[in-house]
Amino acid sequence: MKNSYDIWDIRSLLFVFDIENTRDLKREEIIVSKDVNDENALTELFDLLLRPEFFIYSQKERQLLIDTLEYFLGCGDNFDGVFSKIDTYFDENVKDQRGFMIVLLNCLKRYKSEDDDK
């Protein structure tokens, strides 16, 4: 059976950064303090805010998120469909949307690997 990947799954994962998310001043300050166009700062941001969210998902859902990112990256998607539908607390626009998603994918794989090693 062939999987059907939905870009909205990625949008849902990134909801932690969305202005529409529940107001949390500390989270907002963390988001604004990071340069989303710097790979190291972005990784720190994901580790602080996205990692806990990722572990709310079931193992099957986590793998689906990873597979979905790999699929859309492999198709050459530019992720406008995600970034145009999200209003974030980011201090700047994401200049390299694919690069952002590659960092995200690497982080998700690392989180999954850490969990698998338990």
PDB file of N, CA and C in Angstrom:
ATOM      1  N   MET A   1       0.843  -1.187   0.000  1.00  0.00           N
ATOM      2  CA  MET A   1       0.000   0.000   0.000  1.00  0.00           C
ATOM      3  C   MET A   1       0.881   1.242   0.000  1.00  0.00           C
ATOM      4  N   LYS A   2       0.592   2.145  -0.883  1.00  0.00           N
ATOM      5  CA  LYS A   2       1.377   3.368  -1.007  1.00  0.00           C
ATOM      6  C   LYS A   2       0.871   4.421  -0.026  1.00  0.00           C
ATOM      7  N   ASN A   3       1.807   5.074   0.675  1.00  0.00           N
ATOM      8  CA  ASN A   3       1.440   6.126   1.623  1.00  0.00           C
ATOM      9  C   ASN A   3       1.024   7.387   0.888  1.00  0.00           C
ATOM     10  N   SER A   4       0.085   8.089   1.467  1.00  0.00           N
ATOM     11  CA  SER A   4      -0.338   9.382   0.957  1.00  0.00           C
ATOM     12  C   SER A   4       0.156  10.437   1.939  1.00  0.00           C
ATOM     13  N   TYR A   5       1.034  11.300   1.484  1.00  0.00           N
ATOM     14  CA  TYR A   5       1.630  12.294   2.357  1.00  0.00           C
ATOM     15  C   TYR A   5       0.889  13.618   2.227  1.00  0.00           C
ATOM     16  N   ASP A   6       0.696  14.268   3.362  1.00  0.00           N
ATOM     17  CA  ASP A   6      -0.051  15.518   3.404  1.00  0.00           C
ATOM     18  C   ASP A   6       0.823  16.605   4.020  1.00  0.00           C
ATOM     19  N   ILE A   7       1.064  17.664   3.266  1.00  0.00           N
ATOM     20  CA  ILE A   7       1.904  18.771   3.727  1.00  0.00           C
ATOM     21  C   ILE A   7       1.325  19.413   4.984  1.00  0.00           C
ATOM     22  N   TRP A   8       0.028  19.264   5.195  1.00  0.00           N
ATOM     23  CA  TRP A   8      -0.610  19.860   6.380  1.00  0.00           C
ATOM     24  C   TRP A   8      -0.157  19.200   7.673  1.00  0.00           C
ATOM     25  N   ASP A   9       0.358  17.973   7.584  1.00  0.00           N
ATOM     26  CA  ASP A   9       0.920  17.342   8.775  1.00  0.00           C
ATOM     27  C   ASP A   9       2.121  18.140   9.282  1.00  0.00           C
ATOM     28  N   ILE A  10       2.907  18.666   8.358  1.00  0.00           N
ATOM     29  CA  ILE A  10       4.066  19.486   8.726  1.00  0.00           C
ATOM     30  C   ILE A  10       3.588  20.812   9.312  1.00  0.00           C
ATOM     31  N   ARG A  11       2.579  21.379   8.700  1.00  0.00           N
ATOM     32  CA  ARG A  11       1.995  22.633   9.204  1.00  0.00           C
ATOM     33  C   ARG A  11       1.515  22.446  10.639  1.00  0.00           C
ATOM     34  N   SER A  12       0.881  21.322  10.923  1.00  0.00           N
ATOM     35  CA  SER A  12       0.395  21.042  12.279  1.00  0.00           C
ATOM     36  C   SER A  12       1.541  20.948  13.274  1.00  0.00           C
ATOM     37  N   LEU A  13       2.623  20.324  12.869  1.00  0.00           N
ATOM     38  CA  LEU A  13       3.788  20.215  13.748  1.00  0.00           C
ATOM     39  C   LEU A  13       4.367  21.587  14.065  1.00  0.00           C
ATOM     40  N   LEU A  14       4.374  22.469  13.086  1.00  0.00           N
ATOM     41  CA  LEU A  14       4.948  23.807  13.268  1.00  0.00           C
ATOM     42  C   LEU A  14       3.997  24.782  13.964  1.00  0.00           C
ATOM     43  N   PHE A  15       2.823  24.312  14.333  1.00  0.00           N
ATOM     44  CA  PHE A  15       1.848  25.178  14.996  1.00  0.00           C
ATOM     45  C   PHE A  15       2.391  25.759  16.300  1.00  0.00           C
ATOM     46  N   VAL A  16       3.369  25.110  16.892  1.00  0.00           N
ATOM     47  CA  VAL A  16       3.984  25.614  18.129  1.00  0.00           C
ATOM     48  C   VAL A  16       4.567  27.012  17.933  1.00  0.00           C
ATOM     49  N   PHE A  17       4.904  27.369  16.701  1.00  0.00           N
ATOM     50  CA  PHE A  17       5.493  28.672  16.397  1.00  0.00           C
ATOM     51  C   PHE A  17       4.455  29.692  15.914  1.00  0.00           C
ATOM     52  N   ASP A  18       3.208  29.273  15.772  1.00  0.00           N
ATOM     53  CA  ASP A  18       2.160  30.100  15.176  1.00  0.00           C
ATOM     54  C   ASP A  18       1.586  31.099  16.184  1.00  0.00           C
ATOM     55  N   ILE A  19       1.303  32.288  15.695  1.00  0.00           N
ATOM     56  CA  ILE A  19       0.688  33.333  16.513  1.00  0.00           C
ATOM     57  C   ILE A  19      -0.688  32.883  16.999  1.00  0.00           C
ATOM     58  N   GLU A  20      -1.355  32.044  16.234  1.00  0.00           N
ATOM     59  CA  GLU A  20      -2.684  31.547  16.612  1.00  0.00           C
ATOM     60  C   GLU A  20      -2.626  30.556  17.765  1.00  0.00           C
ATOM     61  N   ASN A  21      -1.443  30.050  18.077  1.00  0.00           N
ATOM     62  CA  ASN A  21      -1.277  29.127  19.193  1.00  0.00           C
ATOM     63  C   ASN A  21      -1.556  29.887  20.491  1.00  0.00           C
ATOM     64  N   THR A  22      -1.903  29.153  21.523  1.00  0.00           N
ATOM     65  CA  THR A  22      -2.199  29.768  22.814  1.00  0.00           C
ATOM     66  C   THR A  22      -1.088  30.719  23.223  1.00  0.00           C
ATOM     67  N   ARG A  23      -1.471  31.852  23.737  1.00  0.00           N
ATOM     68  CA  ARG A  23      -0.499  32.883  24.138  1.00  0.00           C
ATOM     69  C   ARG A  23       0.364  32.378  25.291  1.00  0.00           C
ATOM     70  N   ASP A  24       1.666  32.435  25.079  1.00  0.00           N
ATOM     71  CA  ASP A  24       2.640  32.007  26.086  1.00  0.00           C
ATOM     72  C   ASP A  24       3.847  32.921  25.924  1.00  0.00           C
ATOM     73  N   LEU A  25       3.960  33.898  26.806  1.00  0.00           N
ATOM     74  CA  LEU A  25       4.987  34.920  26.691  1.00  0.00           C
ATOM     75  C   LEU A  25       6.400  34.336  26.670  1.00  0.00           C
ATOM     76  N   LYS A  26       6.652  33.350  27.507  1.00  0.00           N
ATOM     77  CA  LYS A  26       7.986  32.741  27.550  1.00  0.00           C
ATOM     78  C   LYS A  26       8.326  32.077  26.206  1.00  0.00           C
ATOM     79  N   ARG A  27       7.360  31.344  25.653  1.00  0.00           N
ATOM     80  CA  ARG A  27       7.577  30.689  24.352  1.00  0.00           C
ATOM     81  C   ARG A  27       7.812  31.732  23.268  1.00  0.00           C
ATOM     82  N   GLU A  28       7.018  32.792  23.287  1.00  0.00           N
ATOM     83  CA  GLU A  28       7.170  33.857  22.301  1.00  0.00           C
ATOM     84  C   GLU A  28       8.566  34.491  22.384  1.00  0.00           C
ATOM     85  N   GLU A  29       9.038  34.721  23.593  1.00  0.00           N
ATOM     86  CA  GLU A  29      10.370  35.313  23.776  1.00  0.00           C
ATOM     87  C   GLU A  29      11.465  34.394  23.259  1.00  0.00           C
ATOM     88  N   ILE A  30      11.316  33.106  23.480  1.00  0.00           N
ATOM     89  CA  ILE A  30      12.292  32.137  22.969  1.00  0.00           C
ATOM     90  C   ILE A  30      12.325  32.184  21.444  1.00  0.00           C
ATOM     91  N   ILE A  31      11.150  32.180  20.835  1.00  0.00           N
ATOM     92  CA  ILE A  31      11.058  32.181  19.375  1.00  0.00           C
ATOM     93  C   ILE A  31      11.709  33.433  18.796  1.00  0.00           C
ATOM     94  N   VAL A  32      11.385  34.575  19.339  1.00  0.00           N
ATOM     95  CA  VAL A  32      11.912  35.843  18.824  1.00  0.00           C
ATOM     96  C   VAL A  32      13.421  35.947  19.045  1.00  0.00           C
ATOM     97  N   SER A  33      13.928  35.285  20.076  1.00  0.00           N
ATOM     98  CA  SER A  33      15.359  35.393  20.395  1.00  0.00           C
ATOM     99  C   SER A  33      16.250  34.592  19.447  1.00  0.00           C
ATOM    100  N   LYS A  34      15.673  33.711  18.647  1.00  0.00           N
ATOM    101  CA  LYS A  34      16.460  32.842  17.770  1.00  0.00           C
ATOM    102  C   LYS A  34      16.426  33.327  16.328  1.00  0.00           C
ATOM    103  N   ASP A  35      17.551  33.229  15.667  1.00  0.00           N
ATOM    104  CA  ASP A  35      17.660  33.567  14.251  1.00  0.00           C
ATOM    105  C   ASP A  35      17.263  32.334  13.440  1.00  0.00           C
ATOM    106  N   VAL A  36      16.065  32.360  12.868  1.00  0.00           N
ATOM    107  CA  VAL A  36      15.567  31.194  12.137  1.00  0.00           C
ATOM    108  C   VAL A  36      16.302  30.965  10.827  1.00  0.00           C
ATOM    109  N   ASN A  37      17.193  31.862  10.479  1.00  0.00           N
ATOM    110  CA  ASN A  37      17.994  31.689   9.264  1.00  0.00           C
ATOM    111  C   ASN A  37      19.405  31.205   9.573  1.00  0.00           C
ATOM    112  N   ASP A  38      19.644  30.867  10.829  1.00  0.00           N
ATOM    113  CA  ASP A  38      20.918  30.308  11.263  1.00  0.00           C
ATOM    114  C   ASP A  38      20.667  28.866  11.703  1.00  0.00           C
ATOM    115  N   GLU A  39      21.357  27.918  11.093  1.00  0.00           N
ATOM    116  CA  GLU A  39      21.110  26.503  11.350  1.00  0.00           C
ATOM    117  C   GLU A  39      21.260  26.142  12.831  1.00  0.00           C
ATOM    118  N   ASN A  40      22.291  26.663  13.487  1.00  0.00           N
ATOM    119  CA  ASN A  40      22.501  26.332  14.903  1.00  0.00           C
ATOM    120  C   ASN A  40      21.403  26.914  15.790  1.00  0.00           C
ATOM    121  N   ALA A  41      21.021  28.156  15.537  1.00  0.00           N
ATOM    122  CA  ALA A  41      19.956  28.787  16.323  1.00  0.00           C
ATOM    123  C   ALA A  41      18.624  28.080  16.068  1.00  0.00           C
ATOM    124  N   LEU A  42      18.391  27.675  14.840  1.00  0.00           N
ATOM    125  CA  LEU A  42      17.165  26.967  14.496  1.00  0.00           C
ATOM    126  C   LEU A  42      17.119  25.605  15.191  1.00  0.00           C
ATOM    127  N   THR A  43      18.236  24.924  15.213  1.00  0.00           N
ATOM    128  CA  THR A  43      18.313  23.639  15.905  1.00  0.00           C
ATOM    129  C   THR A  43      18.023  23.822  17.394  1.00  0.00           C
ATOM    130  N   GLU A  44      18.587  24.859  17.997  1.00  0.00           N
ATOM    131  CA  GLU A  44      18.314  25.147  19.412  1.00  0.00           C
ATOM    132  C   GLU A  44      16.823  25.412  19.629  1.00  0.00           C
ATOM    133  N   LEU A  45      16.221  26.163  18.728  1.00  0.00           N
ATOM    134  CA  LEU A  45      14.800  26.470  18.827  1.00  0.00           C
ATOM    135  C   LEU A  45      13.967  25.193  18.744  1.00  0.00           C
ATOM    136  N   PHE A  46      14.277  24.353  17.780  1.00  0.00           N
ATOM    137  CA  PHE A  46      13.557  23.082  17.649  1.00  0.00           C
ATOM    138  C   PHE A  46      13.737  22.229  18.902  1.00  0.00           C
ATOM    139  N   ASP A  47      14.965  22.172  19.410  1.00  0.00           N
ATOM    140  CA  ASP A  47      15.220  21.353  20.599  1.00  0.00           C
ATOM    141  C   ASP A  47      14.416  21.847  21.799  1.00  0.00           C
ATOM    142  N   LEU A  48      14.305  23.153  21.934  1.00  0.00           N
ATOM    143  CA  LEU A  48      13.582  23.723  23.073  1.00  0.00           C
ATOM    144  C   LEU A  48      12.065  23.576  22.955  1.00  0.00           C
ATOM    145  N   LEU A  49      11.525  23.837  21.791  1.00  0.00           N
ATOM    146  CA  LEU A  49      10.073  23.926  21.662  1.00  0.00           C
ATOM    147  C   LEU A  49       9.417  22.806  20.862  1.00  0.00           C
ATOM    148  N   LEU A  50      10.112  22.287  19.887  1.00  0.00           N
ATOM    149  CA  LEU A  50       9.482  21.293  19.021  1.00  0.00           C
ATOM    150  C   LEU A  50       9.682  19.866  19.529  1.00  0.00           C
ATOM    151  N   ARG A  51      10.815  19.628  20.144  1.00  0.00           N
ATOM    152  CA  ARG A  51      11.110  18.277  20.652  1.00  0.00           C
ATOM    153  C   ARG A  51      10.004  17.772  21.575  1.00  0.00           C
ATOM    154  N   PRO A  52       9.593  18.551  22.579  1.00  0.00           N
ATOM    155  CA  PRO A  52       8.505  18.058  23.451  1.00  0.00           C
ATOM    156  C   PRO A  52       7.202  17.805  22.676  1.00  0.00           C
ATOM    157  N   GLU A  53       6.914  18.640  21.697  1.00  0.00           N
ATOM    158  CA  GLU A  53       5.711  18.449  20.876  1.00  0.00           C
ATOM    159  C   GLU A  53       5.795  17.148  20.075  1.00  0.00           C
ATOM    160  N   PHE A  54       6.966  16.874  19.537  1.00  0.00           N
ATOM    161  CA  PHE A  54       7.183  15.685  18.720  1.00  0.00           C
ATOM    162  C   PHE A  54       6.861  14.420  19.520  1.00  0.00           C
ATOM    163  N   PHE A  55       7.203  14.410  20.797  1.00  0.00           N
ATOM    164  CA  PHE A  55       6.987  13.222  21.610  1.00  0.00           C
ATOM    165  C   PHE A  55       5.548  13.061  22.081  1.00  0.00           C
ATOM    166  N   ILE A  56       4.703  14.043  21.794  1.00  0.00           N
ATOM    167  CA  ILE A  56       3.269  13.889  22.053  1.00  0.00           C
ATOM    168  C   ILE A  56       2.666  12.942  21.015  1.00  0.00           C
ATOM    169  N   TYR A  57       3.254  12.936  19.817  1.00  0.00           N
ATOM    170  CA  TYR A  57       2.785  12.078  18.737  1.00  0.00           C
ATOM    171  C   TYR A  57       3.134  10.621  19.031  1.00  0.00           C
ATOM    172  N   SER A  58       2.333   9.704  18.497  1.00  0.00           N
ATOM    173  CA  SER A  58       2.646   8.282  18.613  1.00  0.00           C
ATOM    174  C   SER A  58       3.881   7.970  17.774  1.00  0.00           C
ATOM    175  N   GLN A  59       4.488   6.828  17.990  1.00  0.00           N
ATOM    176  CA  GLN A  59       5.664   6.445  17.203  1.00  0.00           C
ATOM    177  C   GLN A  59       5.327   6.370  15.718  1.00  0.00           C
ATOM    178  N   LYS A  60       4.149   5.874  15.409  1.00  0.00           N
ATOM    179  CA  LYS A  60       3.723   5.786  14.004  1.00  0.00           C
ATOM    180  C   LYS A  60       3.575   7.187  13.403  1.00  0.00           C
ATOM    181  N   GLU A  61       2.993   8.111  14.154  1.00  0.00           N
ATOM    182  CA  GLU A  61       2.826   9.488  13.670  1.00  0.00           C
ATOM    183  C   GLU A  61       4.182  10.181  13.514  1.00  0.00           C
ATOM    184  N   ARG A  62       5.107   9.911  14.427  1.00  0.00           N
ATOM    185  CA  ARG A  62       6.454  10.494  14.314  1.00  0.00           C
ATOM    186  C   ARG A  62       7.117  10.057  13.026  1.00  0.00           C
ATOM    187  N   GLN A  63       7.026   8.754  12.737  1.00  0.00           N
ATOM    188  CA  GLN A  63       7.637   8.240  11.515  1.00  0.00           C
ATOM    189  C   GLN A  63       6.957   8.842  10.293  1.00  0.00           C
ATOM    190  N   LEU A  64       5.644   9.012  10.356  1.00  0.00           N
ATOM    191  CA  LEU A  64       4.922   9.610   9.240  1.00  0.00           C
ATOM    192  C   LEU A  64       5.382  11.043   8.998  1.00  0.00           C
ATOM    193  N   LEU A  65       5.635  11.806  10.055  1.00  0.00           N
ATOM    194  CA  LEU A  65       6.146  13.171   9.899  1.00  0.00           C
ATOM    195  C   LEU A  65       7.502  13.163   9.199  1.00  0.00           C
ATOM    196  N   ILE A  66       8.371  12.272   9.615  1.00  0.00           N
ATOM    197  CA  ILE A  66       9.698  12.148   8.995  1.00  0.00           C
ATOM    198  C   ILE A  66       9.556  11.756   7.525  1.00  0.00           C
ATOM    199  N   ASP A  67       8.732  10.752   7.273  1.00  0.00           N
ATOM    200  CA  ASP A  67       8.516  10.292   5.897  1.00  0.00           C
ATOM    201  C   ASP A  67       7.916  11.396   5.028  1.00  0.00           C
ATOM    202  N   THR A  68       7.007  12.167   5.604  1.00  0.00           N
ATOM    203  CA  THR A  68       6.365  13.261   4.871  1.00  0.00           C
ATOM    204  C   THR A  68       7.381  14.325   4.489  1.00  0.00           C
ATOM    205  N   LEU A  69       8.219  14.702   5.436  1.00  0.00           N
ATOM    206  CA  LEU A  69       9.274  15.685   5.130  1.00  0.00           C
ATOM    207  C   LEU A  69      10.211  15.160   4.053  1.00  0.00           C
ATOM    208  N   GLU A  70      10.630  13.909   4.180  1.00  0.00           N
ATOM    209  CA  GLU A  70      11.518  13.318   3.176  1.00  0.00           C
ATOM    210  C   GLU A  70      10.849  13.303   1.807  1.00  0.00           C
ATOM    211  N   TYR A  71       9.568  12.985   1.778  1.00  0.00           N
ATOM    212  CA  TYR A  71       8.833  12.939   0.508  1.00  0.00           C
ATOM    213  C   TYR A  71       8.817  14.312  -0.165  1.00  0.00           C
ATOM    214  N   PHE A  72       8.407  15.342   0.576  1.00  0.00           N
ATOM    215  CA  PHE A  72       8.289  16.673  -0.030  1.00  0.00           C
ATOM    216  C   PHE A  72       9.657  17.276  -0.356  1.00  0.00           C
ATOM    217  N   LEU A  73      10.656  16.979   0.430  1.00  0.00           N
ATOM    218  CA  LEU A  73      12.013  17.418   0.086  1.00  0.00           C
ATOM    219  C   LEU A  73      12.471  16.715  -1.186  1.00  0.00           C
ATOM    220  N   GLY A  74      12.184  15.426  -1.287  1.00  0.00           N
ATOM    221  CA  GLY A  74      12.562  14.647  -2.462  1.00  0.00           C
ATOM    222  C   GLY A  74      11.867  15.098  -3.725  1.00  0.00           C
ATOM    223  N   CYS A  75      10.661  15.628  -3.576  1.00  0.00           N
ATOM    224  CA  CYS A  75       9.888  16.137  -4.733  1.00  0.00           C
ATOM    225  C   CYS A  75      10.342  17.529  -5.155  1.00  0.00           C
ATOM    226  N   GLY A  76      11.204  18.151  -4.357  1.00  0.00           N
ATOM    227  CA  GLY A  76      11.668  19.493  -4.681  1.00  0.00           C
ATOM    228  C   GLY A  76      10.709  20.590  -4.236  1.00  0.00           C
ATOM    229  N   ASP A  77       9.791  20.260  -3.350  1.00  0.00           N
ATOM    230  CA  ASP A  77       8.819  21.243  -2.860  1.00  0.00           C
ATOM    231  C   ASP A  77       9.553  22.428  -2.235  1.00  0.00           C
ATOM    232  N   ASN A  78       9.005  23.630  -2.432  1.00  0.00           N
ATOM    233  CA  ASN A  78       9.633  24.823  -1.842  1.00  0.00           C
ATOM    234  C   ASN A  78       8.974  25.229  -0.522  1.00  0.00           C
ATOM    235  N   PHE A  79       7.926  24.502  -0.127  1.00  0.00           N
ATOM    236  CA  PHE A  79       7.237  24.670   1.152  1.00  0.00           C
ATOM    237  C   PHE A  79       6.507  26.003   1.290  1.00  0.00           C
ATOM    238  N   ASP A  80       6.224  26.660   0.165  1.00  0.00           N
ATOM    239  CA  ASP A  80       5.390  27.863   0.211  1.00  0.00           C
ATOM    240  C   ASP A  80       4.023  27.545   0.804  1.00  0.00           C
ATOM    241  N   GLY A  81       3.516  26.344   0.540  1.00  0.00           N
ATOM    242  CA  GLY A  81       2.219  25.931   1.053  1.00  0.00           C
ATOM    243  C   GLY A  81       2.164  25.876   2.561  1.00  0.00           C
ATOM    244  N   VAL A  82       3.299  25.701   3.188  1.00  0.00           N
ATOM    245  CA  VAL A  82       3.366  25.703   4.654  1.00  0.00           C
ATOM    246  C   VAL A  82       3.586  27.122   5.159  1.00  0.00           C
ATOM    247  N   PHE A  83       4.597  27.773   4.636  1.00  0.00           N
ATOM    248  CA  PHE A  83       4.992  29.085   5.162  1.00  0.00           C
ATOM    249  C   PHE A  83       4.000  30.197   4.829  1.00  0.00           C
ATOM    250  N   SER A  84       3.253  30.053   3.748  1.00  0.00           N
ATOM    251  CA  SER A  84       2.271  31.091   3.412  1.00  0.00           C
ATOM    252  C   SER A  84       1.012  30.978   4.266  1.00  0.00           C
ATOM    253  N   LYS A  85       0.851  29.862   4.952  1.00  0.00           N
ATOM    254  CA  LYS A  85      -0.345  29.636   5.758  1.00  0.00           C
ATOM    255  C   LYS A  85      -0.078  29.732   7.258  1.00  0.00           C
ATOM    256  N   ILE A  86       1.093  30.170   7.629  1.00  0.00           N
ATOM    257  CA  ILE A  86       1.448  30.236   9.036  1.00  0.00           C
ATOM    258  C   ILE A  86       1.975  31.632   9.365  1.00  0.00           C
ATOM    259  N   ASP A  87       1.433  32.221  10.413  1.00  0.00           N
ATOM    260  CA  ASP A  87       1.951  33.487  10.938  1.00  0.00           C
ATOM    261  C   ASP A  87       2.709  33.156  12.209  1.00  0.00           C
ATOM    262  N   THR A  88       3.983  33.426  12.193  1.00  0.00           N
ATOM    263  CA  THR A  88       4.825  33.008  13.308  1.00  0.00           C
ATOM    264  C   THR A  88       5.326  34.191  14.126  1.00  0.00           C
ATOM    265  N   TYR A  89       5.925  33.847  15.237  1.00  0.00           N
ATOM    266  CA  TYR A  89       6.601  34.825  16.073  1.00  0.00           C
ATOM    267  C   TYR A  89       8.039  35.047  15.618  1.00  0.00           C
ATOM    268  N   PHE A  90       8.455  34.401  14.527  1.00  0.00           N
ATOM    269  CA  PHE A  90       9.816  34.568  14.039  1.00  0.00           C
ATOM    270  C   PHE A  90      10.080  36.049  13.814  1.00  0.00           C
ATOM    271  N   ASP A  91      11.256  36.486  14.224  1.00  0.00           N
ATOM    272  CA  ASP A  91      11.636  37.890  14.084  1.00  0.00           C
ATOM    273  C   ASP A  91      11.891  38.261  12.619  1.00  0.00           C
ATOM    274  N   GLU A  92      12.256  37.257  11.810  1.00  0.00           N
ATOM    275  CA  GLU A  92      12.529  37.461  10.386  1.00  0.00           C
ATOM    276  C   GLU A  92      11.756  36.429   9.578  1.00  0.00           C
ATOM    277  N   ASN A  93      11.613  36.684   8.284  1.00  0.00           N
ATOM    278  CA  ASN A  93      11.081  35.667   7.391  1.00  0.00           C
ATOM    279  C   ASN A  93      12.122  34.582   7.199  1.00  0.00           C
ATOM    280  N   VAL A  94      11.665  33.372   6.979  1.00  0.00           N
ATOM    281  CA  VAL A  94      12.574  32.268   6.679  1.00  0.00           C
ATOM    282  C   VAL A  94      13.060  32.464   5.247  1.00  0.00           C
ATOM    283  N   LYS A  95      14.364  32.692   5.092  1.00  0.00           N
ATOM    284  CA  LYS A  95      14.933  32.975   3.768  1.00  0.00           C
ATOM    285  C   LYS A  95      15.077  31.721   2.915  1.00  0.00           C
ATOM    286  N   ASP A  96      15.422  30.595   3.547  1.00  0.00           N
ATOM    287  CA  ASP A  96      15.616  29.336   2.839  1.00  0.00           C
ATOM    288  C   ASP A  96      14.660  28.310   3.442  1.00  0.00           C
ATOM    289  N   GLN A  97      13.462  28.250   2.863  1.00  0.00           N
ATOM    290  CA  GLN A  97      12.429  27.378   3.407  1.00  0.00           C
ATOM    291  C   GLN A  97      12.822  25.906   3.342  1.00  0.00           C
ATOM    292  N   ARG A  98      13.452  25.496   2.250  1.00  0.00           N
ATOM    293  CA  ARG A  98      13.908  24.098   2.148  1.00  0.00           C
ATOM    294  C   ARG A  98      14.994  23.814   3.183  1.00  0.00           C
ATOM    295  N   GLY A  99      15.894  24.772   3.371  1.00  0.00           N
ATOM    296  CA  GLY A  99      16.936  24.606   4.388  1.00  0.00           C
ATOM    297  C   GLY A  99      16.330  24.468   5.776  1.00  0.00           C
ATOM    298  N   PHE A 100      15.309  25.253   6.057  1.00  0.00           N
ATOM    299  CA  PHE A 100      14.577  25.172   7.313  1.00  0.00           C
ATOM    300  C   PHE A 100      14.034  23.754   7.503  1.00  0.00           C
ATOM    301  N   MET A 101      13.427  23.222   6.452  1.00  0.00           N
ATOM    302  CA  MET A 101      12.834  21.888   6.525  1.00  0.00           C
ATOM    303  C   MET A 101      13.893  20.793   6.642  1.00  0.00           C
ATOM    304  N   ILE A 102      15.050  21.001   6.046  1.00  0.00           N
ATOM    305  CA  ILE A 102      16.138  20.028   6.181  1.00  0.00           C
ATOM    306  C   ILE A 102      16.618  19.995   7.633  1.00  0.00           C
ATOM    307  N   VAL A 103      16.762  21.158   8.247  1.00  0.00           N
ATOM    308  CA  VAL A 103      17.141  21.213   9.665  1.00  0.00           C
ATOM    309  C   VAL A 103      16.061  20.529  10.500  1.00  0.00           C
ATOM    310  N   LEU A 104      14.806  20.809  10.192  1.00  0.00           N
ATOM    311  CA  LEU A 104      13.703  20.178  10.907  1.00  0.00           C
ATOM    312  C   LEU A 104      13.767  18.659  10.772  1.00  0.00           C
ATOM    313  N   LEU A 105      13.963  18.176   9.561  1.00  0.00           N
ATOM    314  CA  LEU A 105      14.050  16.731   9.326  1.00  0.00           C
ATOM    315  C   LEU A 105      15.189  16.122  10.124  1.00  0.00           C
ATOM    316  N   ASN A 106      16.349  16.742  10.092  1.00  0.00           N
ATOM    317  CA  ASN A 106      17.489  16.210  10.837  1.00  0.00           C
ATOM    318  C   ASN A 106      17.200  16.162  12.334  1.00  0.00           C
ATOM    319  N   CYS A 107      16.532  17.179  12.846  1.00  0.00           N
ATOM    320  CA  CYS A 107      16.173  17.196  14.269  1.00  0.00           C
ATOM    321  C   CYS A 107      15.173  16.080  14.581  1.00  0.00           C
ATOM    322  N   LEU A 108      14.155  15.931  13.754  1.00  0.00           N
ATOM    323  CA  LEU A 108      13.163  14.881  14.002  1.00  0.00           C
ATOM    324  C   LEU A 108      13.793  13.497  13.976  1.00  0.00           C
ATOM    325  N   LYS A 109      14.699  13.282  13.046  1.00  0.00           N
ATOM    326  CA  LYS A 109      15.400  11.991  12.990  1.00  0.00           C
ATOM    327  C   LYS A 109      16.232  11.767  14.253  1.00  0.00           C
ATOM    328  N   ARG A 110      16.866  12.823  14.723  1.00  0.00           N
ATOM    329  CA  ARG A 110      17.672  12.714  15.941  1.00  0.00           C
ATOM    330  C   ARG A 110      16.781  12.405  17.141  1.00  0.00           C
ATOM    331  N   TYR A 111      15.652  13.089  17.245  1.00  0.00           N
ATOM    332  CA  TYR A 111      14.728  12.825  18.356  1.00  0.00           C
ATOM    333  C   TYR A 111      14.232  11.385  18.329  1.00  0.00           C
ATOM    334  N   LYS A 112      13.879  10.937  17.132  1.00  0.00           N
ATOM    335  CA  LYS A 112      13.393   9.561  16.992  1.00  0.00           C
ATOM    336  C   LYS A 112      14.482   8.571  17.369  1.00  0.00           C
ATOM    337  N   SER A 113      15.693   8.829  16.937  1.00  0.00           N
ATOM    338  CA  SER A 113      16.818   7.956  17.263  1.00  0.00           C
ATOM    339  C   SER A 113      17.076   7.917  18.770  1.00  0.00           C
ATOM    340  N   GLU A 114      16.991   9.071  19.410  1.00  0.00           N
ATOM    341  CA  GLU A 114      17.174   9.120  20.866  1.00  0.00           C
ATOM    342  C   GLU A 114      16.117   8.279  21.561  1.00  0.00           C
ATOM    343  N   ASP A 115      14.892   8.353  21.077  1.00  0.00           N
ATOM    344  CA  ASP A 115      13.802   7.584  21.669  1.00  0.00           C
ATOM    345  C   ASP A 115      13.984   6.092  21.401  1.00  0.00           C
ATOM    346  N   ASP A 116      14.451   5.748  20.197  1.00  0.00           N
ATOM    347  CA  ASP A 116      14.678   4.350  19.844  1.00  0.00           C
ATOM    348  C   ASP A 116      15.768   3.724  20.708  1.00  0.00           C
ATOM    349  N   ASP A 117      16.723   4.551  21.146  1.00  0.00           N
ATOM    350  CA  ASP A 117      17.851   4.053  21.941  1.00  0.00           C
ATOM    351  C   ASP A 117      17.486   3.784  23.396  1.00  0.00           C
ATOM    352  N   LYS A 118      16.297   4.216  23.804  1.00  0.00           N
ATOM    353  CA  LYS A 118      15.882   4.017  25.200  1.00  0.00           C
ATOM    354  C   LYS A 118      15.583   2.579  25.500  1.00  0.00           C
TER     355      LYS A 118
END
